PDB file of N, CA and C in Angstrom:
ATOM      1  N   MET A   1     117.932  95.307  99.445  1.00  0.00           N
ATOM      2  CA  MET A   1     118.444  96.227 100.633  1.00  0.00           C
ATOM      3  C   MET A   1     117.401  97.277 100.973  1.00  0.00           C
ATOM      4  N   SER A   2     116.923  97.907  99.970  1.00  0.00           N
ATOM      5  CA  SER A   2     115.907  99.023 100.100  1.00  0.00           C
ATOM      6  C   SER A   2     114.629  98.551 100.756  1.00  0.00           C
ATOM      7  N   ILE A   3     114.107  97.371 100.476  1.00  0.00           N
ATOM      8  CA  ILE A   3     112.962  96.802 101.129  1.00  0.00           C
ATOM      9  C   ILE A   3     113.323  96.522 102.629  1.00  0.00           C
ATOM     10  N   THR A   4     114.547  95.917 103.034  1.00  0.00           N
ATOM     11  CA  THR A   4     114.940  95.734 104.353  1.00  0.00           C
ATOM     12  C   THR A   4     115.027  97.049 104.973  1.00  0.00           C
ATOM     13  N   LEU A   5     115.628  98.113 104.452  1.00  0.00           N
ATOM     14  CA  LEU A   5     115.786  99.346 105.183  1.00  0.00           C
ATOM     15  C   LEU A   5     114.326  99.894 105.396  1.00  0.00           C
ATOM     16  N   GLY A   6     113.388  99.844 104.396  1.00  0.00           N
ATOM     17  CA  GLY A   6     112.052 100.261 104.633  1.00  0.00           C
ATOM     18  C   GLY A   6     111.313  99.390 105.732  1.00  0.00           C
ATOM     19  N   GLY A   7     111.627  98.086 105.774  1.00  0.00           N
ATOM     20  CA  GLY A   7     111.053  97.355 106.934  1.00  0.00           C
ATOM     21  C   GLY A   7     111.540  97.664 108.248  1.00  0.00           C
ATOM     22  N   VAL A   8     112.977  98.204 108.315  1.00  0.00           N
ATOM     23  CA  VAL A   8     113.437  98.721 109.532  1.00  0.00           C
ATOM     24  C   VAL A   8     112.859 100.075 109.948  1.00  0.00           C
ATOM     25  N   LEU A   9     112.609 100.839 109.010  1.00  0.00           N
ATOM     26  CA  LEU A   9     111.916 102.107 109.137  1.00  0.00           C
ATOM     27  C   LEU A   9     110.528 101.925 109.678  1.00  0.00           C
ATOM     28  N   ALA A  10     109.823 101.009 109.079  1.00  0.00           N
ATOM     29  CA  ALA A  10     108.400 100.797 109.502  1.00  0.00           C
ATOM     30  C   ALA A  10     108.346 100.152 110.958  1.00  0.00           C
ATOM     31  N   LEU A  11     109.235  99.263 111.198  1.00  0.00           N
ATOM     32  CA  LEU A  11     109.338  98.670 112.665  1.00  0.00           C
ATOM     33  C   LEU A  11     109.644  99.778 113.588  1.00  0.00           C
ATOM     34  N   SER A  12     110.664 100.710 113.327  1.00  0.00           N
ATOM     35  CA  SER A  12     110.974 101.877 114.206  1.00  0.00           C
ATOM     36  C   SER A  12     109.689 102.746 114.449  1.00  0.00           C
ATOM     37  N   ALA A  13     109.022 102.896 113.221  1.00  0.00           N
ATOM     38  CA  ALA A  13     107.871 103.767 113.502  1.00  0.00           C
ATOM     39  C   ALA A  13     106.716 103.186 114.349  1.00  0.00           C
ATOM     40  N   VAL A  14     106.609 101.803 114.326  1.00  0.00           N
ATOM     41  CA  VAL A  14     105.703 101.174 115.110  1.00  0.00           C
ATOM     42  C   VAL A  14     106.195 101.212 116.571  1.00  0.00           C
ATOM     43  N   TRP A  15     107.415 101.002 116.670  1.00  0.00           N
ATOM     44  CA  TRP A  15     108.049 101.110 117.993  1.00  0.00           C
ATOM     45  C   TRP A  15     107.809 102.429 118.689  1.00  0.00           C
ATOM     46  N   SER A  16     108.055 103.534 117.919  1.00  0.00           N
ATOM     47  CA  SER A  16     107.890 104.865 118.378  1.00  0.00           C
ATOM     48  C   SER A  16     106.550 105.181 118.676  1.00  0.00           C
ATOM     49  N   THR A  17     105.518 104.547 117.938  1.00  0.00           N
ATOM     50  CA  THR A  17     104.134 104.725 118.276  1.00  0.00           C
ATOM     51  C   THR A  17     103.723 104.083 119.632  1.00  0.00           C
ATOM     52  N   ILE A  18     104.227 102.963 119.814  1.00  0.00           N
ATOM     53  CA  ILE A  18     103.957 102.263 121.182  1.00  0.00           C
ATOM     54  C   ILE A  18     104.587 102.972 122.252  1.00  0.00           C
ATOM     55  N   GLN A  19     105.817 103.543 122.040  1.00  0.00           N
ATOM     56  CA  GLN A  19     106.417 104.292 123.146  1.00  0.00           C
ATOM     57  C   GLN A  19     105.632 105.566 123.460  1.00  0.00           C
ATOM     58  N   LEU A  20     105.206 106.199 122.420  1.00  0.00           N
ATOM     59  CA  LEU A  20     104.317 107.343 122.659  1.00  0.00           C
ATOM     60  C   LEU A  20     103.081 107.074 123.447  1.00  0.00           C
ATOM     61  N   ILE A  21     102.421 105.985 122.964  1.00  0.00           N
ATOM     62  CA  ILE A  21     101.276 105.686 123.637  1.00  0.00           C
ATOM     63  C   ILE A  21     101.367 105.228 125.114  1.00  0.00           C
ATOM     64  N   ASP A  22     102.585 104.532 125.364  1.00  0.00           N
ATOM     65  CA  ASP A  22     102.856 104.288 126.700  1.00  0.00           C
ATOM     66  C   ASP A  22     103.150 105.501 127.610  1.00  0.00           C
ATOM     67  N   ASP A  23     103.796 106.456 126.882  1.00  0.00           N
ATOM     68  CA  ASP A  23     104.094 107.764 127.705  1.00  0.00           C
ATOM     69  C   ASP A  23     102.881 108.520 127.870  1.00  0.00           C
ATOM     70  N   ILE A  24     101.897 108.410 126.993  1.00  0.00           N
ATOM     71  CA  ILE A  24     100.553 109.086 127.286  1.00  0.00           C
ATOM     72  C   ILE A  24      99.980 108.490 128.524  1.00  0.00           C
ATOM     73  N   LEU A  25      99.832 107.094 128.362  1.00  0.00           N
ATOM     74  CA  LEU A  25      99.056 106.409 129.482  1.00  0.00           C
ATOM     75  C   LEU A  25      99.791 106.493 130.879  1.00  0.00           C
ATOM     76  N   GLN A  26     101.149 106.492 130.783  1.00  0.00           N
ATOM     77  CA  GLN A  26     101.907 106.368 132.121  1.00  0.00           C
ATOM     78  C   GLN A  26     102.273 107.758 132.520  1.00  0.00           C
ATOM     79  N   GLY A  27     102.090 108.775 131.713  1.00  0.00           N
ATOM     80  CA  GLY A  27     102.656 110.145 132.166  1.00  0.00           C
ATOM     81  C   GLY A  27     104.048 110.365 131.948  1.00  0.00           C
ATOM     82  N   GLY A  28     104.684 110.186 130.792  1.00  0.00           N
ATOM     83  CA  GLY A  28     106.007 110.344 130.569  1.00  0.00           C
ATOM     84  C   GLY A  28     106.406 111.877 130.284  1.00  0.00           C
ATOM     85  N   LYS A  29     107.641 112.012 129.951  1.00  0.00           N
ATOM     86  CA  LYS A  29     108.118 113.386 129.849  1.00  0.00           C
ATOM     87  C   LYS A  29     107.503 114.095 128.586  1.00  0.00           C
ATOM     88  N   GLU A  30     107.152 113.230 127.653  1.00  0.00           N
ATOM     89  CA  GLU A  30     106.467 113.891 126.433  1.00  0.00           C
ATOM     90  C   GLU A  30     105.066 114.627 126.653  1.00  0.00           C
ATOM     91  N   THR A  31     104.521 114.027 127.799  1.00  0.00           N
ATOM     92  CA  THR A  31     103.164 114.652 128.014  1.00  0.00           C
ATOM     93  C   THR A  31     103.355 115.718 129.095  1.00  0.00           C
ATOM     94  N   ALA A  32     104.463 116.263 129.482  1.00  0.00           N
ATOM     95  CA  ALA A  32     104.510 117.307 130.395  1.00  0.00           C
ATOM     96  C   ALA A  32     103.899 118.678 130.030  1.00  0.00           C
ATOM     97  N   SER A  33     103.938 118.837 128.636  1.00  0.00           N
ATOM     98  CA  SER A  33     103.441 120.023 128.038  1.00  0.00           C
ATOM     99  C   SER A  33     102.660 119.714 126.790  1.00  0.00           C
ATOM    100  N   ALA A  34     101.849 120.595 126.312  1.00  0.00           N
ATOM    101  CA  ALA A  34     101.197 120.407 125.152  1.00  0.00           C
ATOM    102  C   ALA A  34     102.221 120.540 123.893  1.00  0.00           C
ATOM    103  N   THR A  35     103.253 121.295 124.026  1.00  0.00           N
ATOM    104  CA  THR A  35     104.196 121.556 123.031  1.00  0.00           C
ATOM    105  C   THR A  35     104.986 120.383 122.695  1.00  0.00           C
ATOM    106  N   SER A  36     105.462 119.633 123.800  1.00  0.00           N
ATOM    107  CA  SER A  36     106.340 118.514 123.716  1.00  0.00           C
ATOM    108  C   SER A  36     105.411 117.321 123.276  1.00  0.00           C
ATOM    109  N   LEU A  37     104.232 117.171 123.641  1.00  0.00           N
ATOM    110  CA  LEU A  37     103.395 116.120 123.104  1.00  0.00           C
ATOM    111  C   LEU A  37     103.133 116.325 121.545  1.00  0.00           C
ATOM    112  N   LEU A  38     102.848 117.606 121.237  1.00  0.00           N
ATOM    113  CA  LEU A  38     102.739 117.841 119.688  1.00  0.00           C
ATOM    114  C   LEU A  38     103.814 117.601 118.943  1.00  0.00           C
ATOM    115  N   GLN A  39     105.057 117.891 119.493  1.00  0.00           N
ATOM    116  CA  GLN A  39     106.291 117.634 118.750  1.00  0.00           C
ATOM    117  C   GLN A  39     106.454 116.221 118.631  1.00  0.00           C
ATOM    118  N   SER A  40     106.414 115.489 119.670  1.00  0.00           N
ATOM    119  CA  SER A  40     106.659 114.032 119.665  1.00  0.00           C
ATOM    120  C   SER A  40     105.650 113.354 118.722  1.00  0.00           C
ATOM    121  N   GLY A  41     104.403 113.691 118.882  1.00  0.00           N
ATOM    122  CA  GLY A  41     103.366 113.055 118.009  1.00  0.00           C
ATOM    123  C   GLY A  41     103.544 113.462 116.522  1.00  0.00           C
ATOM    124  N   SER A  42     104.033 114.651 116.144  1.00  0.00           N
ATOM    125  CA  SER A  42     104.153 114.937 114.799  1.00  0.00           C
ATOM    126  C   SER A  42     105.570 114.230 114.163  1.00  0.00           C
ATOM    127  N   THR A  43     106.562 114.042 115.127  1.00  0.00           N
ATOM    128  CA  THR A  43     107.641 113.330 114.775  1.00  0.00           C
ATOM    129  C   THR A  43     107.358 111.876 114.425  1.00  0.00           C
ATOM    130  N   VAL A  44     106.495 111.245 115.281  1.00  0.00           N
ATOM    131  CA  VAL A  44     106.144 109.878 115.067  1.00  0.00           C
ATOM    132  C   VAL A  44     105.259 109.690 113.850  1.00  0.00           C
ATOM    133  N   TRP A  45     104.399 110.672 113.665  1.00  0.00           N
ATOM    134  CA  TRP A  45     103.484 110.601 112.440  1.00  0.00           C
ATOM    135  C   TRP A  45     104.258 110.697 111.124  1.00  0.00           C
ATOM    136  N   ALA A  46     105.264 111.688 111.121  1.00  0.00           N
ATOM    137  CA  ALA A  46     106.021 111.932 109.959  1.00  0.00           C
ATOM    138  C   ALA A  46     106.891 110.660 109.574  1.00  0.00           C
ATOM    139  N   GLY A  47     107.549 110.021 110.727  1.00  0.00           N
ATOM    140  CA  GLY A  47     108.210 108.991 110.606  1.00  0.00           C
ATOM    141  C   GLY A  47     107.305 107.683 110.055  1.00  0.00           C
ATOM    142  N   THR A  48     106.150 107.488 110.444  1.00  0.00           N
ATOM    143  CA  THR A  48     105.284 106.563 110.124  1.00  0.00           C
ATOM    144  C   THR A  48     104.833 106.716 108.721  1.00  0.00           C
ATOM    145  N   VAL A  49     104.478 107.865 108.213  1.00  0.00           N
ATOM    146  CA  VAL A  49     104.058 108.283 106.771  1.00  0.00           C
ATOM    147  C   VAL A  49     105.241 107.920 105.943  1.00  0.00           C
ATOM    148  N   LEU A  50     106.523 108.533 106.239  1.00  0.00           N
ATOM    149  CA  LEU A  50     107.655 108.094 105.296  1.00  0.00           C
ATOM    150  C   LEU A  50     108.052 106.672 105.302  1.00  0.00           C
ATOM    151  N   ALA A  51     108.033 105.967 106.308  1.00  0.00           N
ATOM    152  CA  ALA A  51     108.433 104.613 106.277  1.00  0.00           C
ATOM    153  C   ALA A  51     107.333 103.793 105.412  1.00  0.00           C
ATOM    154  N   PHE A  52     106.074 103.934 105.587  1.00  0.00           N
ATOM    155  CA  PHE A  52     105.089 103.209 104.857  1.00  0.00           C
ATOM    156  C   PHE A  52     105.019 103.611 103.435  1.00  0.00           C
ATOM    157  N   SER A  53     105.209 105.040 103.163  1.00  0.00           N
ATOM    158  CA  SER A  53     105.240 105.314 101.722  1.00  0.00           C
ATOM    159  C   SER A  53     106.466 104.819 100.957  1.00  0.00           C
ATOM    160  N   LEU A  54     107.518 104.839 101.589  1.00  0.00           N
ATOM    161  CA  LEU A  54     108.884 104.236 101.052  1.00  0.00           C
ATOM    162  C   LEU A  54     108.523 102.754 100.603  1.00  0.00           C
ATOM    163  N   LEU A  55     108.008 102.012 101.627  1.00  0.00           N
ATOM    164  CA  LEU A  55     107.711 100.638 101.485  1.00  0.00           C
ATOM    165  C   LEU A  55     106.745 100.448 100.307  1.00  0.00           C
ATOM    166  N   TYR A  56     105.666 101.200 100.351  1.00  0.00           N
ATOM    167  CA  TYR A  56     104.617 101.118  99.181  1.00  0.00           C
ATOM    168  C   TYR A  56     105.255 101.347  97.921  1.00  0.00           C
ATOM    169  N   PHE A  57     106.136 102.359  97.797  1.00  0.00           N
ATOM    170  CA  PHE A  57     106.894 102.733  96.543  1.00  0.00           C
ATOM    171  C   PHE A  57     107.703 101.633  96.116  1.00  0.00           C
ATOM    172  N   GLU A  58     108.352 100.915  97.053  1.00  0.00           N
ATOM    173  CA  GLU A  58     109.342  99.788  96.644  1.00  0.00           C
ATOM    174  C   GLU A  58     108.561  98.559  96.208  1.00  0.00           C
ATOM    175  N   LEU A  59     107.239  98.370  96.769  1.00  0.00           N
ATOM    176  CA  LEU A  59     106.579  97.222  96.443  1.00  0.00           C
ATOM    177  C   LEU A  59     105.434  97.330  95.336  1.00  0.00           C
ATOM    178  N   ASP A  60     104.997  98.497  95.126  1.00  0.00           N
ATOM    179  CA  ASP A  60     103.907  98.783  94.091  1.00  0.00           C
ATOM    180  C   ASP A  60     104.287  98.338  92.839  1.00  0.00           C
ATOM    181  N   ARG A  61     103.495  97.572  92.088  1.00  0.00           N
ATOM    182  CA  ARG A  61     103.823  97.226  90.647  1.00  0.00           C
ATOM    183  C   ARG A  61     105.073  96.628  90.411  1.00  0.00           C
ATOM    184  N   GLY A  62     105.654  95.941  91.359  1.00  0.00           N
ATOM    185  CA  GLY A  62     107.033  95.320  91.042  1.00  0.00           C
ATOM    186  C   GLY A  62     108.138  96.170  91.429  1.00  0.00           C
ATOM    187  N   GLY A  63     107.865  97.364  91.993  1.00  0.00           N
ATOM    188  CA  GLY A  63     109.073  98.132  92.340  1.00  0.00           C
ATOM    189  C   GLY A  63     109.403  99.236  91.276  1.00  0.00           C
ATOM    190  N   PRO A  64     110.354 100.023  91.645  1.00  0.00           N
ATOM    191  CA  PRO A  64     110.782 101.292  90.735  1.00  0.00           C
ATOM    192  C   PRO A  64     111.399 100.821  89.411  1.00  0.00           C
ATOM    193  N   VAL A  65     112.199  99.616  89.514  1.00  0.00           N
ATOM    194  CA  VAL A  65     112.868  99.217  88.395  1.00  0.00           C
ATOM    195  C   VAL A  65     111.998  98.707  87.373  1.00  0.00           C
ATOM    196  N   THR A  66     111.013  97.851  87.765  1.00  0.00           N
ATOM    197  CA  THR A  66     110.031  97.320  86.890  1.00  0.00           C
ATOM    198  C   THR A  66     109.175  98.454  86.252  1.00  0.00           C
ATOM    199  N   ARG A  67     108.715  99.405  87.018  1.00  0.00           N
ATOM    200  CA  ARG A  67     108.073 100.551  86.524  1.00  0.00           C
ATOM    201  C   ARG A  67     108.875 101.422  85.614  1.00  0.00           C
ATOM    202  N   ALA A  68     110.144 101.582  85.745  1.00  0.00           N
ATOM    203  CA  ALA A  68     110.939 102.374  84.850  1.00  0.00           C
ATOM    204  C   ALA A  68     111.079 101.649  83.504  1.00  0.00           C
ATOM    205  N   HIS A  69     111.183 100.267  83.424  1.00  0.00           N
ATOM    206  CA  HIS A  69     111.308  99.604  82.147  1.00  0.00           C
ATOM    207  C   HIS A  69     109.896  99.448  81.400  1.00  0.00           C
ATOM    208  N   HIS A  70     108.907  99.198  82.120  1.00  0.00           N
ATOM    209  CA  HIS A  70     107.651  99.239  81.506  1.00  0.00           C
ATOM    210  C   HIS A  70     106.495  99.237  82.647  1.00  0.00           C
ATOM    211  N   MET A  71     105.464 100.135  82.285  1.00  0.00           N
ATOM    212  CA  MET A  71     104.540 100.439  83.329  1.00  0.00           C
ATOM    213  C   MET A  71     103.307  99.348  83.144  1.00  0.00           C
ATOM    214  N   PRO A  72     103.153  98.661  84.162  1.00  0.00           N
ATOM    215  CA  PRO A  72     102.066  97.586  84.298  1.00  0.00           C
ATOM    216  C   PRO A  72     100.792  98.313  83.882  1.00  0.00           C
ATOM    217  N   HIS A  73      99.787  97.556  83.307  1.00  0.00           N
ATOM    218  CA  HIS A  73      98.599  98.110  82.655  1.00  0.00           C
ATOM    219  C   HIS A  73      97.452  98.500  83.932  1.00  0.00           C
ATOM    220  N   THR A  74      97.587  97.699  84.871  1.00  0.00           N
ATOM    221  CA  THR A  74      96.591  97.776  85.966  1.00  0.00           C
ATOM    222  C   THR A  74      97.350  98.435  87.245  1.00  0.00           C
ATOM    223  N   PRO A  75      96.787  99.499  87.616  1.00  0.00           N
ATOM    224  CA  PRO A  75      97.414 100.245  88.730  1.00  0.00           C
ATOM    225  C   PRO A  75      97.027  99.651  90.104  1.00  0.00           C
ATOM    226  N   ALA A  76      97.965  99.738  90.943  1.00  0.00           N
ATOM    227  CA  ALA A  76      97.509  99.234  92.308  1.00  0.00           C
ATOM    228  C   ALA A  76      96.871 100.301  93.115  1.00  0.00           C
ATOM    229  N   LEU A  77      97.047 101.502  92.771  1.00  0.00           N
ATOM    230  CA  LEU A  77      96.381 102.780  93.252  1.00  0.00           C
ATOM    231  C   LEU A  77      95.958 103.578  92.136  1.00  0.00           C
ATOM    232  N   ALA A  78      94.659 103.748  92.028  1.00  0.00           N
ATOM    233  CA  ALA A  78      94.190 104.558  90.955  1.00  0.00           C
ATOM    234  C   ALA A  78      94.087 106.115  91.278  1.00  0.00           C
ATOM    235  N   PHE A  79      94.732 106.862  90.485  1.00  0.00           N
ATOM    236  CA  PHE A  79      94.694 108.233  90.602  1.00  0.00           C
ATOM    237  C   PHE A  79      93.532 108.825  89.705  1.00  0.00           C
ATOM    238  N   PRO A  80      93.175 110.025  89.936  1.00  0.00           N
ATOM    239  CA  PRO A  80      92.108 110.606  88.967  1.00  0.00           C
ATOM    240  C   PRO A  80      92.523 110.674  87.537  1.00  0.00           C
ATOM    241  N   GLN A  81      93.897 110.959  87.432  1.00  0.00           N
ATOM    242  CA  GLN A  81      94.465 110.835  85.885  1.00  0.00           C
ATOM    243  C   GLN A  81      94.176 109.510  85.260  1.00  0.00           C
ATOM    244  N   HIS A  82      94.194 108.454  86.000  1.00  0.00           N
ATOM    245  CA  HIS A  82      93.870 107.061  85.472  1.00  0.00           C
ATOM    246  C   HIS A  82      92.444 106.998  84.977  1.00  0.00           C
ATOM    247  N   LEU A  83      91.571 107.511  85.778  1.00  0.00           N
ATOM    248  CA  LEU A  83      90.110 107.259  85.674  1.00  0.00           C
ATOM    249  C   LEU A  83      89.646 108.357  84.633  1.00  0.00           C
ATOM    250  N   ASN A  84      90.216 109.419  84.443  1.00  0.00           N
ATOM    251  CA  ASN A  84      89.815 110.529  83.556  1.00  0.00           C
ATOM    252  C   ASN A  84      91.127 111.113  82.731  1.00  0.00           C
ATOM    253  N   PRO A  85      91.398 110.334  81.668  1.00  0.00           N
ATOM    254  CA  PRO A  85      92.683 110.756  80.958  1.00  0.00           C
ATOM    255  C   PRO A  85      92.814 112.145  80.525  1.00  0.00           C
ATOM    256  N   GLU A  86      91.729 112.846  80.349  1.00  0.00           N
ATOM    257  CA  GLU A  86      91.923 114.173  79.976  1.00  0.00           C
ATOM    258  C   GLU A  86      92.369 115.186  80.997  1.00  0.00           C
ATOM    259  N   LEU A  87      92.480 114.679  82.168  1.00  0.00           N
ATOM    260  CA  LEU A  87      93.194 115.519  83.262  1.00  0.00           C
ATOM    261  C   LEU A  87      94.608 115.765  83.334  1.00  0.00           C
ATOM    262  N   ALA A  88      95.295 114.843  82.444  1.00  0.00           N
ATOM    263  CA  ALA A  88      96.819 114.861  82.425  1.00  0.00           C
ATOM    264  C   ALA A  88      97.186 114.562  81.008  1.00  0.00           C
ATOM    265  N   SER A  89      98.529 114.899  80.749  1.00  0.00           N
ATOM    266  CA  SER A  89      99.109 114.512  79.443  1.00  0.00           C
ATOM    267  C   SER A  89      99.051 113.091  79.243  1.00  0.00           C
ATOM    268  N   PRO A  90      99.200 112.627  77.984  1.00  0.00           N
ATOM    269  CA  PRO A  90      99.203 111.173  77.621  1.00  0.00           C
ATOM    270  C   PRO A  90     100.338 110.447  78.373  1.00  0.00           C
ATOM    271  N   ASP A  91     101.412 110.979  78.580  1.00  0.00           N
ATOM    272  CA  ASP A  91     102.553 110.263  79.180  1.00  0.00           C
ATOM    273  C   ASP A  91     102.787 110.490  80.674  1.00  0.00           C
ATOM    274  N   TRP A  92     101.534 111.074  81.280  1.00  0.00           N
ATOM    275  CA  TRP A  92     101.649 111.129  82.849  1.00  0.00           C
ATOM    276  C   TRP A  92     101.664 109.790  83.543  1.00  0.00           C
ATOM    277  N   ARG A  93     102.356 109.715  84.515  1.00  0.00           N
ATOM    278  CA  ARG A  93     102.321 108.560  85.381  1.00  0.00           C
ATOM    279  C   ARG A  93     102.691 108.978  86.857  1.00  0.00           C
ATOM    280  N   PRO A  94     102.203 108.356  87.961  1.00  0.00           N
ATOM    281  CA  PRO A  94     102.407 108.880  89.162  1.00  0.00           C
ATOM    282  C   PRO A  94     103.888 108.731  89.591  1.00  0.00           C
ATOM    283  N   ARG A  95     104.212 109.650  90.366  1.00  0.00           N
ATOM    284  CA  ARG A  95     105.746 109.722  90.863  1.00  0.00           C
ATOM    285  C   ARG A  95     105.627 109.602  92.515  1.00  0.00           C
ATOM    286  N   PHE A  96     106.760 109.562  93.081  1.00  0.00           N
ATOM    287  CA  PHE A  96     106.685 109.317  94.467  1.00  0.00           C
ATOM    288  C   PHE A  96     105.889 110.384  95.242  1.00  0.00           C
ATOM    289  N   VAL A  97     106.039 111.552  94.949  1.00  0.00           N
ATOM    290  CA  VAL A  97     105.281 112.640  95.725  1.00  0.00           C
ATOM    291  C   VAL A  97     103.870 112.521  95.430  1.00  0.00           C
ATOM    292  N   ASP A  98     103.389 112.002  94.268  1.00  0.00           N
ATOM    293  CA  ASP A  98     101.989 111.979  94.091  1.00  0.00           C
ATOM    294  C   ASP A  98     101.433 110.908  94.899  1.00  0.00           C
TER     295      ASP A  98
END
């Protein structure tokens, strides 16, 4: 269910991006002023970042349930703490905000 919701959010982010590009090219209401264009662009950007980060969180290393029970040895995304263990405590692992 959460992967489906993340997919819907990702599709809506892509659709919003397409709509914003179309408004920029065709001269829509979002391009009437710099303020409205920046507001629209930042909303689309934030939605895109949120959607894809949630999808990555759900799919990375088997998902949050798998990571909660046992952390796989090979990370899908290496953080500096993985490469240099003295940067963090021994029980450190990446969380969603990281």
